[in-house]
């Protein structure tokens, strides 16, 4: 392959993962300017697939999807149990094993939709890496991304925000989340492969086409996420950060995402539903960080955080 950049390790990417985790917590607390959570989630998705491509290209490719899926499935099942127990403790509703089959693709807490989505979406990584061997394939893949992203973006615009947070929209959960996320996940993979072939600006151009078309039809912040996250990714990649501290911080990002709803519940229980949302977001974030730190130091639990 012709490129030189995908194999390089950038600490700035690690820092971006940590910052994205903070943005997601801020959004879920509905703090001021909470819509920044769109960009935080977009960055989380792009970096997940971007790093997955790098891992695949550095490996022999054997059993790639299965090994990755297992590493995600175990924490997902663990936290499904934890949040189900939490639900039974804090709610007076009678126990119901399964009322909506769609919840099998989420779990007992809505934020867990991300894990089964990534488990399934990772199936695209190996075929893309094996098929894209030159500029021609990069252009074809980016054209396909544009064609796929436009209807998915319009579907998300049609069902959000109502179906994003509560069931009963045009599509059941987790489909609204998946409509939003699939294109961004694929963008991350194609950014990595385009960068490998020294065609990174082609990927950014494709993102601009998608965002521009969606914004013309549905002029809202969510519509321009693909371009915004591509630009943010380029800015992040160009920053060279010395030292290991960004990698250390990145090691907490996944755990923070997983446990933050529990810490947010603590914030609301301690300070009431009218608590300042900025304060609640900060308390949930730093509490989740501390809890993740603690879990990672217990041998039996570290694989779940």
C-alpha atoms as a PDB file:
ATOM      1  CA  UNK A   1       0.000   0.000   0.000  1.00  0.00           C
ATOM      2  CA  UNK A   2       1.127   3.495  -0.778  1.00  0.00           C
ATOM      3  CA  UNK A   3       0.377   5.394   2.402  1.00  0.00           C
ATOM      4  CA  UNK A   4       2.453   6.209   5.413  1.00  0.00           C
ATOM      5  CA  UNK A   5       0.139   7.665   7.996  1.00  0.00           C
ATOM      6  CA  UNK A   6      -2.281   4.992   9.162  1.00  0.00           C
ATOM      7  CA  UNK A   7       0.480   3.047  10.864  1.00  0.00           C
ATOM      8  CA  UNK A   8       1.642   6.072  12.857  1.00  0.00           C
ATOM      9  CA  UNK A   9       0.479   6.439  16.428  1.00  0.00           C
ATOM     10  CA  UNK A  10      -0.870   9.820  17.473  1.00  0.00           C
ATOM     11  CA  UNK A  11      -1.440  10.629  21.122  1.00  0.00           C
ATOM     12  CA  UNK A  12      -3.818  13.380  19.998  1.00  0.00           C
ATOM     13  CA  UNK A  13      -6.269  10.698  18.839  1.00  0.00           C
ATOM     14  CA  UNK A  14      -6.231   9.243  22.336  1.00  0.00           C
ATOM     15  CA  UNK A  15      -6.940  12.651  23.854  1.00  0.00           C
ATOM     16  CA  UNK A  16      -9.807  13.130  21.388  1.00  0.00           C
ATOM     17  CA  UNK A  17     -11.432   9.909  22.638  1.00  0.00           C
ATOM     18  CA  UNK A  18     -11.336  11.177  26.210  1.00  0.00           C
ATOM     19  CA  UNK A  19     -12.728  14.596  25.233  1.00  0.00           C
ATOM     20  CA  UNK A  20     -15.492  12.908  23.209  1.00  0.00           C
ATOM     21  CA  UNK A  21     -16.510  10.905  26.284  1.00  0.00           C
ATOM     22  CA  UNK A  22     -16.838  14.181  28.206  1.00  0.00           C
ATOM     23  CA  UNK A  23     -18.975  15.662  25.414  1.00  0.00           C
ATOM     24  CA  UNK A  24     -21.352  12.702  25.514  1.00  0.00           C
ATOM     25  CA  UNK A  25     -21.795  13.026  29.291  1.00  0.00           C
ATOM     26  CA  UNK A  26     -22.391  16.768  28.875  1.00  0.00           C
ATOM     27  CA  UNK A  27     -25.056  16.076  26.266  1.00  0.00           C
ATOM     28  CA  UNK A  28     -26.831  13.402  28.298  1.00  0.00           C
ATOM     29  CA  UNK A  29     -27.012  15.779  31.268  1.00  0.00           C
ATOM     30  CA  UNK A  30     -28.737  18.278  28.948  1.00  0.00           C
ATOM     31  CA  UNK A  31     -26.279  20.932  30.059  1.00  0.00           C
ATOM     32  CA  UNK A  32     -26.042  24.257  28.127  1.00  0.00           C
ATOM     33  CA  UNK A  33     -25.082  23.756  24.476  1.00  0.00           C
ATOM     34  CA  UNK A  34     -25.864  20.053  24.888  1.00  0.00           C
ATOM     35  CA  UNK A  35     -26.085  19.633  21.118  1.00  0.00           C
ATOM     36  CA  UNK A  36     -22.298  19.433  21.172  1.00  0.00           C
ATOM     37  CA  UNK A  37     -23.040  15.835  22.064  1.00  0.00           C
ATOM     38  CA  UNK A  38     -23.799  15.215  18.395  1.00  0.00           C
ATOM     39  CA  UNK A  39     -20.206  16.073  17.544  1.00  0.00           C
ATOM     40  CA  UNK A  40     -18.859  14.126  20.535  1.00  0.00           C
ATOM     41  CA  UNK A  41     -20.742  10.992  19.491  1.00  0.00           C
ATOM     42  CA  UNK A  42     -19.684  11.506  15.872  1.00  0.00           C
ATOM     43  CA  UNK A  43     -16.040  11.704  16.955  1.00  0.00           C
ATOM     44  CA  UNK A  44     -16.430   8.609  19.128  1.00  0.00           C
ATOM     45  CA  UNK A  45     -17.823   6.680  16.152  1.00  0.00           C
ATOM     46  CA  UNK A  46     -15.225   7.896  13.666  1.00  0.00           C
ATOM     47  CA  UNK A  47     -12.319   7.144  15.995  1.00  0.00           C
ATOM     48  CA  UNK A  48     -13.706   3.686  16.793  1.00  0.00           C
ATOM     49  CA  UNK A  49     -13.701   2.579  13.164  1.00  0.00           C
ATOM     50  CA  UNK A  50     -10.538   4.529  12.308  1.00  0.00           C
ATOM     51  CA  UNK A  51      -8.593   2.713  15.010  1.00  0.00           C
ATOM     52  CA  UNK A  52     -10.193  -0.606  14.024  1.00  0.00           C
ATOM     53  CA  UNK A  53      -8.811  -0.220  10.488  1.00  0.00           C
ATOM     54  CA  UNK A  54      -5.361   0.435  11.886  1.00  0.00           C
ATOM     55  CA  UNK A  55      -5.608  -2.666  14.046  1.00  0.00           C
ATOM     56  CA  UNK A  56      -6.721  -4.790  11.109  1.00  0.00           C
ATOM     57  CA  UNK A  57      -3.922  -3.564   8.855  1.00  0.00           C
ATOM     58  CA  UNK A  58      -1.365  -4.337  11.537  1.00  0.00           C
ATOM     59  CA  UNK A  59      -2.757  -7.854  12.104  1.00  0.00           C
ATOM     60  CA  UNK A  60      -2.975 -10.974   9.983  1.00  0.00           C
ATOM     61  CA  UNK A  61      -6.752 -10.434   9.737  1.00  0.00           C
ATOM     62  CA  UNK A  62      -7.610 -13.876  11.055  1.00  0.00           C
ATOM     63  CA  UNK A  63     -10.606 -13.848  13.386  1.00  0.00           C
ATOM     64  CA  UNK A  64     -10.564 -10.051  13.519  1.00  0.00           C
ATOM     65  CA  UNK A  65     -14.320  -9.509  13.793  1.00  0.00           C
ATOM     66  CA  UNK A  66     -14.921 -12.328  16.253  1.00  0.00           C
ATOM     67  CA  UNK A  67     -12.162 -11.253  18.627  1.00  0.00           C
ATOM     68  CA  UNK A  68     -13.312  -7.622  18.585  1.00  0.00           C
ATOM     69  CA  UNK A  69     -16.972  -8.564  19.005  1.00  0.00           C
ATOM     70  CA  UNK A  70     -16.166 -10.720  22.014  1.00  0.00           C
ATOM     71  CA  UNK A  71     -14.212  -7.904  23.643  1.00  0.00           C
ATOM     72  CA  UNK A  72     -17.302  -5.675  23.351  1.00  0.00           C
ATOM     73  CA  UNK A  73     -19.935  -8.310  24.131  1.00  0.00           C
ATOM     74  CA  UNK A  74     -18.570  -9.194  27.560  1.00  0.00           C
ATOM     75  CA  UNK A  75     -18.747  -5.619  28.976  1.00  0.00           C
ATOM     76  CA  UNK A  76     -22.122  -5.133  27.299  1.00  0.00           C
ATOM     77  CA  UNK A  77     -23.631  -8.191  28.983  1.00  0.00           C
ATOM     78  CA  UNK A  78     -22.100  -7.225  32.318  1.00  0.00           C
ATOM     79  CA  UNK A  79     -23.509  -3.700  32.217  1.00  0.00           C
ATOM     80  CA  UNK A  80     -26.873  -4.991  31.004  1.00  0.00           C
ATOM     81  CA  UNK A  81     -27.088  -6.882  34.295  1.00  0.00           C
ATOM     82  CA  UNK A  82     -25.883  -3.895  36.333  1.00  0.00           C
ATOM     83  CA  UNK A  83     -28.330  -1.424  34.800  1.00  0.00           C
ATOM     84  CA  UNK A  84     -31.181  -3.928  34.998  1.00  0.00           C
ATOM     85  CA  UNK A  85     -30.568  -4.287  38.724  1.00  0.00           C
ATOM     86  CA  UNK A  86     -30.385  -0.495  39.039  1.00  0.00           C
ATOM     87  CA  UNK A  87     -33.703  -0.198  37.215  1.00  0.00           C
ATOM     88  CA  UNK A  88     -35.375  -2.641  39.586  1.00  0.00           C
ATOM     89  CA  UNK A  89     -34.002  -0.759  42.604  1.00  0.00           C
ATOM     90  CA  UNK A  90     -35.110   2.737  41.562  1.00  0.00           C
ATOM     91  CA  UNK A  91     -38.443   1.976  39.875  1.00  0.00           C
ATOM     92  CA  UNK A  92     -41.741   0.799  41.311  1.00  0.00           C
ATOM     93  CA  UNK A  93     -42.822  -0.781  38.031  1.00  0.00           C
ATOM     94  CA  UNK A  94     -43.390  -4.563  38.111  1.00  0.00           C
ATOM     95  CA  UNK A  95     -40.628  -6.697  36.663  1.00  0.00           C
ATOM     96  CA  UNK A  96     -41.031  -7.344  32.925  1.00  0.00           C
ATOM     97  CA  UNK A  97     -38.549  -9.604  31.204  1.00  0.00           C
ATOM     98  CA  UNK A  98     -39.157  -8.415  27.648  1.00  0.00           C
ATOM     99  CA  UNK A  99     -41.791  -5.986  26.384  1.00  0.00           C
ATOM    100  CA  UNK A 100     -40.057  -4.745  23.227  1.00  0.00           C
ATOM    101  CA  UNK A 101     -37.880  -7.097  21.134  1.00  0.00           C
ATOM    102  CA  UNK A 102     -35.862  -4.096  19.980  1.00  0.00           C
ATOM    103  CA  UNK A 103     -34.412  -3.813  23.458  1.00  0.00           C
ATOM    104  CA  UNK A 104     -32.376  -6.932  22.706  1.00  0.00           C
ATOM    105  CA  UNK A 105     -30.221  -4.615  20.576  1.00  0.00           C
ATOM    106  CA  UNK A 106     -29.891  -2.070  23.368  1.00  0.00           C
ATOM    107  CA  UNK A 107     -30.094  -3.405  26.884  1.00  0.00           C
ATOM    108  CA  UNK A 108     -31.824  -2.003  29.986  1.00  0.00           C
ATOM    109  CA  UNK A 109     -30.218   1.461  29.603  1.00  0.00           C
ATOM    110  CA  UNK A 110     -30.544   3.371  26.345  1.00  0.00           C
ATOM    111  CA  UNK A 111     -26.877   4.381  26.146  1.00  0.00           C
ATOM    112  CA  UNK A 112     -25.920   0.701  25.797  1.00  0.00           C
ATOM    113  CA  UNK A 113     -27.177   0.755  22.188  1.00  0.00           C
ATOM    114  CA  UNK A 114     -23.648   1.796  21.191  1.00  0.00           C
ATOM    115  CA  UNK A 115     -22.055  -1.550  22.047  1.00  0.00           C
ATOM    116  CA  UNK A 116     -24.198  -3.943  19.956  1.00  0.00           C
ATOM    117  CA  UNK A 117     -24.079  -1.400  17.141  1.00  0.00           C
ATOM    118  CA  UNK A 118     -20.280  -1.425  17.123  1.00  0.00           C
ATOM    119  CA  UNK A 119     -20.228  -5.216  17.455  1.00  0.00           C
ATOM    120  CA  UNK A 120     -22.287  -5.514  14.284  1.00  0.00           C
ATOM    121  CA  UNK A 121     -20.720  -2.600  12.377  1.00  0.00           C
ATOM    122  CA  UNK A 122     -17.207  -3.999  12.822  1.00  0.00           C
ATOM    123  CA  UNK A 123     -18.133  -6.636  10.272  1.00  0.00           C
ATOM    124  CA  UNK A 124     -17.482  -3.995   7.570  1.00  0.00           C
ATOM    125  CA  UNK A 125     -13.855  -3.421   8.538  1.00  0.00           C
ATOM    126  CA  UNK A 126     -12.232  -6.543   7.100  1.00  0.00           C
ATOM    127  CA  UNK A 127     -14.031  -6.439   3.710  1.00  0.00           C
ATOM    128  CA  UNK A 128     -13.251  -2.747   3.241  1.00  0.00           C
ATOM    129  CA  UNK A 129      -9.589  -3.210   4.137  1.00  0.00           C
ATOM    130  CA  UNK A 130      -9.226  -6.169   1.784  1.00  0.00           C
ATOM    131  CA  UNK A 131     -11.113  -4.588  -1.113  1.00  0.00           C
ATOM    132  CA  UNK A 132      -9.673  -1.058  -1.061  1.00  0.00           C
ATOM    133  CA  UNK A 133      -6.238  -1.532  -2.570  1.00  0.00           C
ATOM    134  CA  UNK A 134      -5.848   1.679  -4.568  1.00  0.00           C
ATOM    135  CA  UNK A 135      -7.282   5.110  -5.453  1.00  0.00           C
ATOM    136  CA  UNK A 136      -9.988   3.667  -7.696  1.00  0.00           C
ATOM    137  CA  UNK A 137     -11.509   1.673  -4.859  1.00  0.00           C
ATOM    138  CA  UNK A 138     -11.238   4.672  -2.535  1.00  0.00           C
ATOM    139  CA  UNK A 139     -13.299   6.779  -4.944  1.00  0.00           C
ATOM    140  CA  UNK A 140     -15.906   4.047  -5.378  1.00  0.00           C
ATOM    141  CA  UNK A 141     -16.193   3.544  -1.615  1.00  0.00           C
ATOM    142  CA  UNK A 142     -16.567   7.281  -0.988  1.00  0.00           C
ATOM    143  CA  UNK A 143     -19.252   7.530  -3.678  1.00  0.00           C
ATOM    144  CA  UNK A 144     -21.046   4.653  -1.983  1.00  0.00           C
ATOM    145  CA  UNK A 145     -20.758   6.454   1.341  1.00  0.00           C
ATOM    146  CA  UNK A 146     -22.452   9.534  -0.126  1.00  0.00           C
ATOM    147  CA  UNK A 147     -25.257   7.459  -1.635  1.00  0.00           C
ATOM    148  CA  UNK A 148     -25.845   5.601   1.641  1.00  0.00           C
ATOM    149  CA  UNK A 149     -25.494   8.591   3.955  1.00  0.00           C
ATOM    150  CA  UNK A 150     -28.146  10.789   2.358  1.00  0.00           C
ATOM    151  CA  UNK A 151     -31.161   8.500   2.997  1.00  0.00           C
ATOM    152  CA  UNK A 152     -29.825   7.531   6.425  1.00  0.00           C
ATOM    153  CA  UNK A 153     -29.413  11.193   7.346  1.00  0.00           C
ATOM    154  CA  UNK A 154     -32.934  11.994   6.176  1.00  0.00           C
ATOM    155  CA  UNK A 155     -34.329   9.058   8.134  1.00  0.00           C
ATOM    156  CA  UNK A 156     -32.623  10.335  11.259  1.00  0.00           C
ATOM    157  CA  UNK A 157     -33.939  13.853  10.650  1.00  0.00           C
ATOM    158  CA  UNK A 158     -37.429  12.401  10.235  1.00  0.00           C
ATOM    159  CA  UNK A 159     -37.425  10.514  13.534  1.00  0.00           C
ATOM    160  CA  UNK A 160     -35.314  12.810  15.740  1.00  0.00           C
ATOM    161  CA  UNK A 161     -35.541  14.118  18.332  1.00  0.00           C
ATOM    162  CA  UNK A 162     -38.614  12.256  19.595  1.00  0.00           C
ATOM    163  CA  UNK A 163     -37.638   8.731  18.586  1.00  0.00           C
ATOM    164  CA  UNK A 164     -34.038   9.283  19.667  1.00  0.00           C
ATOM    165  CA  UNK A 165     -34.947   9.488  23.344  1.00  0.00           C
ATOM    166  CA  UNK A 166     -38.275   7.678  23.687  1.00  0.00           C
ATOM    167  CA  UNK A 167     -39.833   4.732  21.948  1.00  0.00           C
ATOM    168  CA  UNK A 168     -42.957   5.354  19.923  1.00  0.00           C
ATOM    169  CA  UNK A 169     -41.505   7.339  17.018  1.00  0.00           C
ATOM    170  CA  UNK A 170     -41.647   6.269  13.398  1.00  0.00           C
ATOM    171  CA  UNK A 171     -39.024   3.634  14.113  1.00  0.00           C
ATOM    172  CA  UNK A 172     -38.320   1.782  17.351  1.00  0.00           C
ATOM    173  CA  UNK A 173     -35.047   2.126  19.154  1.00  0.00           C
ATOM    174  CA  UNK A 174     -32.238   1.550  18.399  1.00  0.00           C
ATOM    175  CA  UNK A 175     -32.939   2.250  14.704  1.00  0.00           C
ATOM    176  CA  UNK A 176     -32.822   6.073  15.032  1.00  0.00           C
ATOM    177  CA  UNK A 177     -29.397   5.807  16.682  1.00  0.00           C
ATOM    178  CA  UNK A 178     -28.222   3.374  14.023  1.00  0.00           C
ATOM    179  CA  UNK A 179     -29.455   5.625  11.191  1.00  0.00           C
ATOM    180  CA  UNK A 180     -27.305   8.400  12.598  1.00  0.00           C
ATOM    181  CA  UNK A 181     -24.272   6.268  13.405  1.00  0.00           C
ATOM    182  CA  UNK A 182     -23.685   3.913  10.490  1.00  0.00           C
ATOM    183  CA  UNK A 183     -22.519   6.564   8.027  1.00  0.00           C
ATOM    184  CA  UNK A 184     -20.166   8.091  10.595  1.00  0.00           C
ATOM    185  CA  UNK A 185     -18.715   4.697  11.482  1.00  0.00           C
ATOM    186  CA  UNK A 186     -18.063   4.003   7.805  1.00  0.00           C
ATOM    187  CA  UNK A 187     -16.580   7.483   7.404  1.00  0.00           C
ATOM    188  CA  UNK A 188     -14.009   6.683  10.080  1.00  0.00           C
ATOM    189  CA  UNK A 189     -12.970   3.528   8.262  1.00  0.00           C
ATOM    190  CA  UNK A 190     -12.746   5.335   4.931  1.00  0.00           C
ATOM    191  CA  UNK A 191     -10.786   8.219   6.459  1.00  0.00           C
ATOM    192  CA  UNK A 192      -8.212   5.660   7.572  1.00  0.00           C
ATOM    193  CA  UNK A 193      -8.044   3.934   4.196  1.00  0.00           C
ATOM    194  CA  UNK A 194      -8.066   7.200   2.237  1.00  0.00           C
ATOM    195  CA  UNK A 195      -5.273   8.468   4.462  1.00  0.00           C
ATOM    196  CA  UNK A 196      -3.323   5.272   3.805  1.00  0.00           C
ATOM    197  CA  UNK A 197      -3.563   5.995   0.060  1.00  0.00           C
ATOM    198  CA  UNK A 198      -2.798   9.687   0.569  1.00  0.00           C
ATOM    199  CA  UNK A 199      -6.370  10.675  -0.406  1.00  0.00           C
ATOM    200  CA  UNK A 200      -7.564  12.122   2.878  1.00  0.00           C
ATOM    201  CA  UNK A 201      -9.029  15.220   1.217  1.00  0.00           C
ATOM    202  CA  UNK A 202     -11.201  13.017  -0.987  1.00  0.00           C
ATOM    203  CA  UNK A 203     -12.810  11.639   2.168  1.00  0.00           C
ATOM    204  CA  UNK A 204     -13.306  15.153   3.544  1.00  0.00           C
ATOM    205  CA  UNK A 205     -14.863  16.213   0.234  1.00  0.00           C
ATOM    206  CA  UNK A 206     -17.316  13.299   0.408  1.00  0.00           C
ATOM    207  CA  UNK A 207     -18.231  14.358   3.963  1.00  0.00           C
ATOM    208  CA  UNK A 208     -18.794  17.925   2.714  1.00  0.00           C
ATOM    209  CA  UNK A 209     -21.115  16.704  -0.042  1.00  0.00           C
ATOM    210  CA  UNK A 210     -23.205  14.710   2.433  1.00  0.00           C
ATOM    211  CA  UNK A 211     -23.400  17.507   5.016  1.00  0.00           C
ATOM    212  CA  UNK A 212     -24.129  20.153   2.398  1.00  0.00           C
ATOM    213  CA  UNK A 213     -26.955  18.148   0.824  1.00  0.00           C
ATOM    214  CA  UNK A 214     -28.511  17.240   4.170  1.00  0.00           C
ATOM    215  CA  UNK A 215     -28.317  20.811   5.433  1.00  0.00           C
ATOM    216  CA  UNK A 216     -30.059  22.113   2.325  1.00  0.00           C
ATOM    217  CA  UNK A 217     -32.938  19.716   2.989  1.00  0.00           C
ATOM    218  CA  UNK A 218     -32.954  19.770   6.798  1.00  0.00           C
ATOM    219  CA  UNK A 219     -31.083  22.865   8.097  1.00  0.00           C
ATOM    220  CA  UNK A 220     -30.140  21.676  11.576  1.00  0.00           C
ATOM    221  CA  UNK A 221     -26.947  21.022  13.519  1.00  0.00           C
ATOM    222  CA  UNK A 222     -27.215  17.237  13.182  1.00  0.00           C
ATOM    223  CA  UNK A 223     -27.143  17.504   9.394  1.00  0.00           C
ATOM    224  CA  UNK A 224     -23.597  18.865   9.217  1.00  0.00           C
ATOM    225  CA  UNK A 225     -21.953  16.387  11.560  1.00  0.00           C
ATOM    226  CA  UNK A 226     -20.123  14.449   8.876  1.00  0.00           C
ATOM    227  CA  UNK A 227     -18.216  17.488   7.663  1.00  0.00           C
ATOM    228  CA  UNK A 228     -17.628  18.831  11.168  1.00  0.00           C
ATOM    229  CA  UNK A 229     -16.210  15.568  12.459  1.00  0.00           C
ATOM    230  CA  UNK A 230     -14.002  15.158   9.384  1.00  0.00           C
ATOM    231  CA  UNK A 231     -12.533  18.620   9.949  1.00  0.00           C
ATOM    232  CA  UNK A 232     -12.087  17.958  13.680  1.00  0.00           C
ATOM    233  CA  UNK A 233     -10.392  14.659  12.885  1.00  0.00           C
ATOM    234  CA  UNK A 234      -7.946  16.382  10.529  1.00  0.00           C
ATOM    235  CA  UNK A 235      -7.159  19.005  13.170  1.00  0.00           C
ATOM    236  CA  UNK A 236      -6.647  16.326  15.829  1.00  0.00           C
ATOM    237  CA  UNK A 237      -4.388  14.270  13.597  1.00  0.00           C
ATOM    238  CA  UNK A 238      -2.094  17.210  12.899  1.00  0.00           C
ATOM    239  CA  UNK A 239      -1.411  17.799  16.601  1.00  0.00           C
ATOM    240  CA  UNK A 240       1.651  16.038  17.974  1.00  0.00           C
ATOM    241  CA  UNK A 241       1.389  15.557  21.746  1.00  0.00           C
ATOM    242  CA  UNK A 242       4.440  14.281  23.638  1.00  0.00           C
ATOM    243  CA  UNK A 243       4.198  11.927  26.575  1.00  0.00           C
ATOM    244  CA  UNK A 244       1.913   9.044  27.455  1.00  0.00           C
ATOM    245  CA  UNK A 245      -0.699  10.987  29.400  1.00  0.00           C
ATOM    246  CA  UNK A 246      -3.255  11.199  26.531  1.00  0.00           C
ATOM    247  CA  UNK A 247      -3.120   7.405  26.178  1.00  0.00           C
ATOM    248  CA  UNK A 248      -3.653   7.021  29.916  1.00  0.00           C
ATOM    249  CA  UNK A 249      -6.718   9.288  29.707  1.00  0.00           C
ATOM    250  CA  UNK A 250      -8.050   7.417  26.673  1.00  0.00           C
ATOM    251  CA  UNK A 251      -8.004   4.240  28.721  1.00  0.00           C
ATOM    252  CA  UNK A 252     -10.842   5.665  30.812  1.00  0.00           C
ATOM    253  CA  UNK A 253     -13.067   6.833  27.924  1.00  0.00           C
ATOM    254  CA  UNK A 254     -14.930   3.551  27.381  1.00  0.00           C
ATOM    255  CA  UNK A 255     -15.569   3.076  31.092  1.00  0.00           C
ATOM    256  CA  UNK A 256     -16.773   6.665  31.503  1.00  0.00           C
ATOM    257  CA  UNK A 257     -19.265   6.123  28.708  1.00  0.00           C
ATOM    258  CA  UNK A 258     -20.517   2.891  30.254  1.00  0.00           C
ATOM    259  CA  UNK A 259     -21.011   4.055  33.843  1.00  0.00           C
ATOM    260  CA  UNK A 260     -22.030   7.699  33.450  1.00  0.00           C
ATOM    261  CA  UNK A 261     -25.829   7.155  33.591  1.00  0.00           C
ATOM    262  CA  UNK A 262     -25.438   5.583  37.033  1.00  0.00           C
ATOM    263  CA  UNK A 263     -23.374   8.547  38.230  1.00  0.00           C
ATOM    264  CA  UNK A 264     -25.885  10.962  36.726  1.00  0.00           C
ATOM    265  CA  UNK A 265     -28.605   9.241  38.730  1.00  0.00           C
ATOM    266  CA  UNK A 266     -26.485   9.811  41.837  1.00  0.00           C
ATOM    267  CA  UNK A 267     -26.250  13.517  40.984  1.00  0.00           C
ATOM    268  CA  UNK A 268     -30.022  13.833  40.630  1.00  0.00           C
ATOM    269  CA  UNK A 269     -30.660  11.804  43.794  1.00  0.00           C
ATOM    270  CA  UNK A 270     -28.283  13.954  45.828  1.00  0.00           C
ATOM    271  CA  UNK A 271     -29.257  17.373  44.476  1.00  0.00           C
ATOM    272  CA  UNK A 272     -32.733  16.884  43.017  1.00  0.00           C
ATOM    273  CA  UNK A 273     -34.190  17.138  39.534  1.00  0.00           C
ATOM    274  CA  UNK A 274     -33.649  20.906  39.466  1.00  0.00           C
ATOM    275  CA  UNK A 275     -29.878  20.652  39.919  1.00  0.00           C
ATOM    276  CA  UNK A 276     -27.827  22.878  37.658  1.00  0.00           C
ATOM    277  CA  UNK A 277     -27.207  20.734  34.585  1.00  0.00           C
ATOM    278  CA  UNK A 278     -23.617  21.893  34.134  1.00  0.00           C
ATOM    279  CA  UNK A 279     -22.866  20.858  37.706  1.00  0.00           C
ATOM    280  CA  UNK A 280     -24.637  17.534  37.178  1.00  0.00           C
ATOM    281  CA  UNK A 281     -22.610  16.879  34.031  1.00  0.00           C
ATOM    282  CA  UNK A 282     -19.314  17.627  35.771  1.00  0.00           C
ATOM    283  CA  UNK A 283     -20.252  15.508  38.783  1.00  0.00           C
ATOM    284  CA  UNK A 284     -21.299  12.609  36.552  1.00  0.00           C
ATOM    285  CA  UNK A 285     -18.156  12.861  34.441  1.00  0.00           C
ATOM    286  CA  UNK A 286     -15.641  13.016  37.275  1.00  0.00           C
ATOM    287  CA  UNK A 287     -17.587  10.447  39.270  1.00  0.00           C
ATOM    288  CA  UNK A 288     -17.577   8.110  36.271  1.00  0.00           C
ATOM    289  CA  UNK A 289     -13.866   8.697  35.797  1.00  0.00           C
ATOM    290  CA  UNK A 290     -13.192   7.849  39.442  1.00  0.00           C
ATOM    291  CA  UNK A 291     -15.396   4.751  39.317  1.00  0.00           C
ATOM    292  CA  UNK A 292     -13.706   3.569  36.127  1.00  0.00           C
ATOM    293  CA  UNK A 293     -10.308   4.091  37.740  1.00  0.00           C
ATOM    294  CA  UNK A 294     -11.416   1.957  40.695  1.00  0.00           C
ATOM    295  CA  UNK A 295     -12.912  -0.806  38.538  1.00  0.00           C
ATOM    296  CA  UNK A 296      -9.764  -1.064  36.447  1.00  0.00           C
ATOM    297  CA  UNK A 297      -7.781  -1.819  39.573  1.00  0.00           C
ATOM    298  CA  UNK A 298      -9.916  -4.828  40.533  1.00  0.00           C
ATOM    299  CA  UNK A 299      -8.630  -7.825  38.517  1.00  0.00           C
ATOM    300  CA  UNK A 300     -12.035  -9.464  38.157  1.00  0.00           C
ATOM    301  CA  UNK A 301     -13.719  -6.236  36.968  1.00  0.00           C
ATOM    302  CA  UNK A 302     -11.104  -4.467  34.857  1.00  0.00           C
ATOM    303  CA  UNK A 303     -12.255  -6.129  31.629  1.00  0.00           C
ATOM    304  CA  UNK A 304     -15.684  -4.517  32.054  1.00  0.00           C
ATOM    305  CA  UNK A 305     -14.348  -0.940  32.200  1.00  0.00           C
END
